[in-house]
Amino acid sequence: MAAERRKYARKYCKYCEAKTDYIDYKDTRVLKHALSERYKIMPRRLTGNCKKHQEMVELAIKRARHTALIPYIIDTKNVVAHPFEQLQ
């Protein structure tokens, strides 16, 4: 039996499509698309970002964490359904 090849939809970089030059760390609405529900940075294969924009997103998320705009971790005992509703 030949192994079946899985066909996935081609992912595209939404930042390249929008011609974004710089990703601002203060804009949490843009950064939340690259974070999981536990505030972990999602990899390129899941987000579809290109290498250049993925590195910019990572740097922006790390800066936002350092300035306390985004939490580093979520309390595992008090997991909320929609953590991004807490961000304003």
N, C-alpha and C. Protein backbone atom coordinates (compact mmCIF):
# COMPACT_ATOMS: atom_id res chain seq x y z
N MET A 1 0.83 -1.19 0.00
CA MET A 1 0.00 0.00 0.00
C MET A 1 0.87 1.25 0.00
N ALA A 2 0.55 2.12 -0.88
CA ALA A 2 1.27 3.39 -0.94
C ALA A 2 0.72 4.34 0.11
N ALA A 3 1.60 5.07 0.69
CA ALA A 3 1.16 6.04 1.72
C ALA A 3 0.40 7.17 1.04
N GLU A 4 -0.72 7.51 1.64
CA GLU A 4 -1.53 8.61 1.09
C GLU A 4 -0.88 9.93 1.41
N ARG A 5 -0.88 10.80 0.41
CA ARG A 5 -0.36 12.15 0.64
C ARG A 5 -1.50 13.02 1.11
N ARG A 6 -1.24 13.74 2.18
CA ARG A 6 -2.26 14.64 2.71
C ARG A 6 -2.16 15.97 2.00
N LYS A 7 -3.28 16.46 1.56
CA LYS A 7 -3.32 17.75 0.87
C LYS A 7 -3.84 18.79 1.85
N TYR A 8 -3.04 19.78 2.09
CA TYR A 8 -3.43 20.87 2.97
C TYR A 8 -3.58 22.14 2.13
N ALA A 9 -4.38 23.03 2.63
CA ALA A 9 -4.52 24.32 1.97
C ALA A 9 -3.21 25.11 2.12
N ARG A 10 -2.80 25.75 1.06
CA ARG A 10 -1.56 26.52 1.10
C ARG A 10 -1.73 27.69 2.05
N LYS A 11 -0.84 27.78 3.03
CA LYS A 11 -0.89 28.88 3.97
C LYS A 11 -0.12 30.06 3.39
N TYR A 12 -0.55 31.24 3.71
CA TYR A 12 0.09 32.44 3.18
C TYR A 12 0.38 33.39 4.34
N CYS A 13 1.33 34.23 4.11
CA CYS A 13 1.72 35.21 5.13
C CYS A 13 0.79 36.41 5.02
N LYS A 14 0.00 36.65 6.05
CA LYS A 14 -0.94 37.77 6.00
C LYS A 14 -0.23 39.10 6.11
N TYR A 15 0.98 39.10 6.66
CA TYR A 15 1.74 40.34 6.77
C TYR A 15 2.33 40.74 5.42
N CYS A 16 2.75 39.75 4.62
CA CYS A 16 3.23 40.05 3.27
C CYS A 16 2.08 40.54 2.40
N GLU A 17 0.92 39.93 2.58
CA GLU A 17 -0.25 40.31 1.80
C GLU A 17 -0.67 41.75 2.11
N ALA A 18 -0.54 42.15 3.38
CA ALA A 18 -0.89 43.51 3.79
C ALA A 18 0.28 44.48 3.61
N LYS A 19 1.42 43.97 3.13
CA LYS A 19 2.64 44.78 2.92
C LYS A 19 3.07 45.49 4.21
N THR A 20 3.14 44.72 5.29
CA THR A 20 3.53 45.25 6.59
C THR A 20 5.05 45.31 6.69
N ASP A 21 5.57 46.48 7.03
CA ASP A 21 7.02 46.64 7.18
C ASP A 21 7.47 46.41 8.61
N TYR A 22 6.62 46.76 9.57
CA TYR A 22 6.99 46.68 10.98
C TYR A 22 5.78 46.23 11.79
N ILE A 23 6.01 45.30 12.70
CA ILE A 23 4.94 44.82 13.58
C ILE A 23 5.17 45.44 14.95
N ASP A 24 4.22 46.26 15.38
CA ASP A 24 4.37 47.01 16.62
C ASP A 24 4.00 46.14 17.81
N TYR A 25 4.82 46.16 18.84
CA TYR A 25 4.56 45.34 20.02
C TYR A 25 3.39 45.86 20.85
N LYS A 26 2.99 47.11 20.65
CA LYS A 26 1.90 47.69 21.43
C LYS A 26 0.52 47.33 20.88
N ASP A 27 0.47 46.79 19.67
CA ASP A 27 -0.79 46.42 19.04
C ASP A 27 -1.09 44.95 19.36
N THR A 28 -1.78 44.71 20.46
CA THR A 28 -2.03 43.33 20.90
C THR A 28 -3.07 42.63 20.03
N ARG A 29 -3.89 43.39 19.31
CA ARG A 29 -4.87 42.75 18.43
C ARG A 29 -4.17 41.99 17.30
N VAL A 30 -3.08 42.54 16.80
CA VAL A 30 -2.33 41.89 15.72
C VAL A 30 -1.56 40.70 16.28
N LEU A 31 -1.02 40.84 17.48
CA LEU A 31 -0.18 39.79 18.05
C LEU A 31 -0.98 38.58 18.51
N LYS A 32 -2.24 38.74 18.84
CA LYS A 32 -3.01 37.62 19.39
C LYS A 32 -3.24 36.51 18.38
N HIS A 33 -3.10 36.81 17.08
CA HIS A 33 -3.27 35.77 16.06
C HIS A 33 -2.08 34.82 16.01
N ALA A 34 -0.97 35.22 16.58
CA ALA A 34 0.23 34.38 16.60
C ALA A 34 0.42 33.69 17.95
N LEU A 35 -0.56 33.83 18.85
CA LEU A 35 -0.48 33.21 20.18
C LEU A 35 -1.55 32.13 20.34
N SER A 36 -1.21 31.09 21.07
CA SER A 36 -2.19 30.05 21.37
C SER A 36 -3.04 30.48 22.56
N GLU A 37 -3.97 29.64 22.96
CA GLU A 37 -4.84 29.99 24.09
C GLU A 37 -4.09 30.04 25.40
N ARG A 38 -2.89 29.46 25.43
CA ARG A 38 -2.06 29.52 26.62
C ARG A 38 -0.93 30.54 26.46
N TYR A 39 -1.09 31.44 25.51
CA TYR A 39 -0.15 32.53 25.23
C TYR A 39 1.23 32.03 24.79
N LYS A 40 1.28 30.88 24.14
CA LYS A 40 2.54 30.41 23.57
C LYS A 40 2.62 30.91 22.13
N ILE A 41 3.82 31.17 21.66
CA ILE A 41 4.01 31.63 20.29
C ILE A 41 3.81 30.44 19.35
N MET A 42 2.92 30.61 18.39
CA MET A 42 2.63 29.53 17.45
C MET A 42 3.69 29.48 16.35
N PRO A 43 4.05 28.28 15.90
CA PRO A 43 5.10 28.15 14.89
C PRO A 43 4.63 28.59 13.50
N ARG A 44 5.58 28.75 12.61
CA ARG A 44 5.30 29.19 11.25
C ARG A 44 4.41 28.22 10.50
N ARG A 45 4.58 26.93 10.75
CA ARG A 45 3.80 25.95 10.00
C ARG A 45 2.32 26.03 10.32
N LEU A 46 1.97 26.58 11.48
CA LEU A 46 0.57 26.74 11.84
C LEU A 46 0.02 28.11 11.45
N THR A 47 0.83 29.15 11.57
CA THR A 47 0.34 30.48 11.24
C THR A 47 0.46 30.80 9.76
N GLY A 48 1.43 30.19 9.08
CA GLY A 48 1.63 30.47 7.67
C GLY A 48 2.49 31.69 7.40
N ASN A 49 3.10 32.25 8.43
CA ASN A 49 3.93 33.43 8.25
C ASN A 49 5.23 33.07 7.53
N CYS A 50 5.78 34.04 6.82
CA CYS A 50 7.09 33.84 6.23
C CYS A 50 8.14 34.02 7.33
N LYS A 51 9.38 33.67 7.01
CA LYS A 51 10.43 33.70 8.03
C LYS A 51 10.67 35.10 8.56
N LYS A 52 10.70 36.08 7.67
CA LYS A 52 10.97 37.46 8.08
C LYS A 52 9.90 37.98 9.04
N HIS A 53 8.64 37.76 8.69
CA HIS A 53 7.56 38.27 9.53
C HIS A 53 7.38 37.45 10.80
N GLN A 54 7.69 36.16 10.76
CA GLN A 54 7.61 35.35 11.98
C GLN A 54 8.64 35.84 13.00
N GLU A 55 9.83 36.20 12.54
CA GLU A 55 10.84 36.73 13.45
C GLU A 55 10.41 38.07 14.03
N MET A 56 9.75 38.90 13.21
CA MET A 56 9.26 40.19 13.70
C MET A 56 8.14 39.99 14.72
N VAL A 57 7.27 39.00 14.48
CA VAL A 57 6.18 38.70 15.42
C VAL A 57 6.76 38.21 16.73
N GLU A 58 7.74 37.31 16.67
CA GLU A 58 8.36 36.79 17.89
C GLU A 58 8.97 37.90 18.71
N LEU A 59 9.70 38.80 18.05
CA LEU A 59 10.33 39.91 18.75
C LEU A 59 9.29 40.83 19.37
N ALA A 60 8.21 41.09 18.63
CA ALA A 60 7.15 41.96 19.15
C ALA A 60 6.46 41.32 20.35
N ILE A 61 6.22 40.02 20.30
CA ILE A 61 5.58 39.33 21.43
C ILE A 61 6.49 39.36 22.65
N LYS A 62 7.77 39.14 22.45
CA LYS A 62 8.71 39.17 23.57
C LYS A 62 8.80 40.56 24.19
N ARG A 63 8.75 41.60 23.34
CA ARG A 63 8.76 42.96 23.86
C ARG A 63 7.47 43.27 24.60
N ALA A 64 6.34 42.79 24.09
CA ALA A 64 5.05 43.02 24.75
C ALA A 64 4.99 42.29 26.09
N ARG A 65 5.59 41.12 26.16
CA ARG A 65 5.65 40.40 27.43
C ARG A 65 6.52 41.16 28.44
N HIS A 66 7.63 41.69 27.95
CA HIS A 66 8.55 42.41 28.84
C HIS A 66 7.90 43.68 29.40
N THR A 67 7.06 44.33 28.61
CA THR A 67 6.38 45.54 29.07
C THR A 67 5.03 45.24 29.71
N ALA A 68 4.73 43.96 29.95
CA ALA A 68 3.52 43.49 30.65
C ALA A 68 2.24 43.78 29.88
N LEU A 69 2.30 43.81 28.57
CA LEU A 69 1.08 43.92 27.77
C LEU A 69 0.45 42.56 27.53
N ILE A 70 1.30 41.52 27.49
CA ILE A 70 0.87 40.13 27.31
C ILE A 70 1.51 39.32 28.43
N PRO A 71 0.77 38.43 29.07
CA PRO A 71 1.38 37.63 30.14
C PRO A 71 2.34 36.57 29.58
N TYR A 72 3.31 36.20 30.41
CA TYR A 72 4.24 35.14 30.03
C TYR A 72 3.55 33.78 30.05
N ILE A 73 2.83 33.51 31.15
CA ILE A 73 2.15 32.22 31.29
C ILE A 73 0.75 32.47 31.80
N ILE A 74 -0.06 31.45 31.69
CA ILE A 74 -1.42 31.49 32.21
C ILE A 74 -1.47 30.56 33.41
N ASP A 75 -2.19 30.94 34.42
CA ASP A 75 -2.37 30.09 35.60
C ASP A 75 -3.12 28.84 35.18
N THR A 76 -2.50 27.68 35.32
CA THR A 76 -3.13 26.44 34.86
C THR A 76 -4.30 26.03 35.74
N LYS A 77 -4.38 26.57 36.94
CA LYS A 77 -5.51 26.22 37.82
C LYS A 77 -6.75 27.03 37.49
N ASN A 78 -6.55 28.26 36.98
CA ASN A 78 -7.67 29.12 36.62
C ASN A 78 -7.65 29.39 35.12
N VAL A 79 -7.91 28.36 34.32
CA VAL A 79 -7.92 28.53 32.87
C VAL A 79 -9.25 29.14 32.47
N VAL A 80 -9.19 30.22 31.71
CA VAL A 80 -10.41 30.89 31.26
C VAL A 80 -10.71 30.46 29.83
N ALA A 81 -11.96 30.59 29.45
CA ALA A 81 -12.39 30.15 28.12
C ALA A 81 -11.80 31.02 27.02
N HIS A 82 -11.84 32.34 27.19
CA HIS A 82 -11.35 33.27 26.17
C HIS A 82 -10.35 34.22 26.82
N PRO A 83 -9.07 33.88 26.84
CA PRO A 83 -8.09 34.72 27.51
C PRO A 83 -7.87 36.07 26.85
N PHE A 84 -8.17 36.20 25.55
CA PHE A 84 -7.92 37.46 24.86
C PHE A 84 -8.97 38.51 25.18
N GLU A 85 -10.05 38.13 25.83
CA GLU A 85 -11.04 39.11 26.24
C GLU A 85 -10.50 39.99 27.38
N GLN A 86 -9.50 39.48 28.11
CA GLN A 86 -8.90 40.24 29.19
C GLN A 86 -8.00 41.34 28.67
N LEU A 87 -7.45 41.16 27.46
CA LEU A 87 -6.59 42.18 26.87
C LEU A 87 -7.44 43.29 26.30
N GLN A 88 -7.02 44.51 26.50
CA GLN A 88 -7.76 45.63 25.95
C GLN A 88 -6.97 46.34 24.92
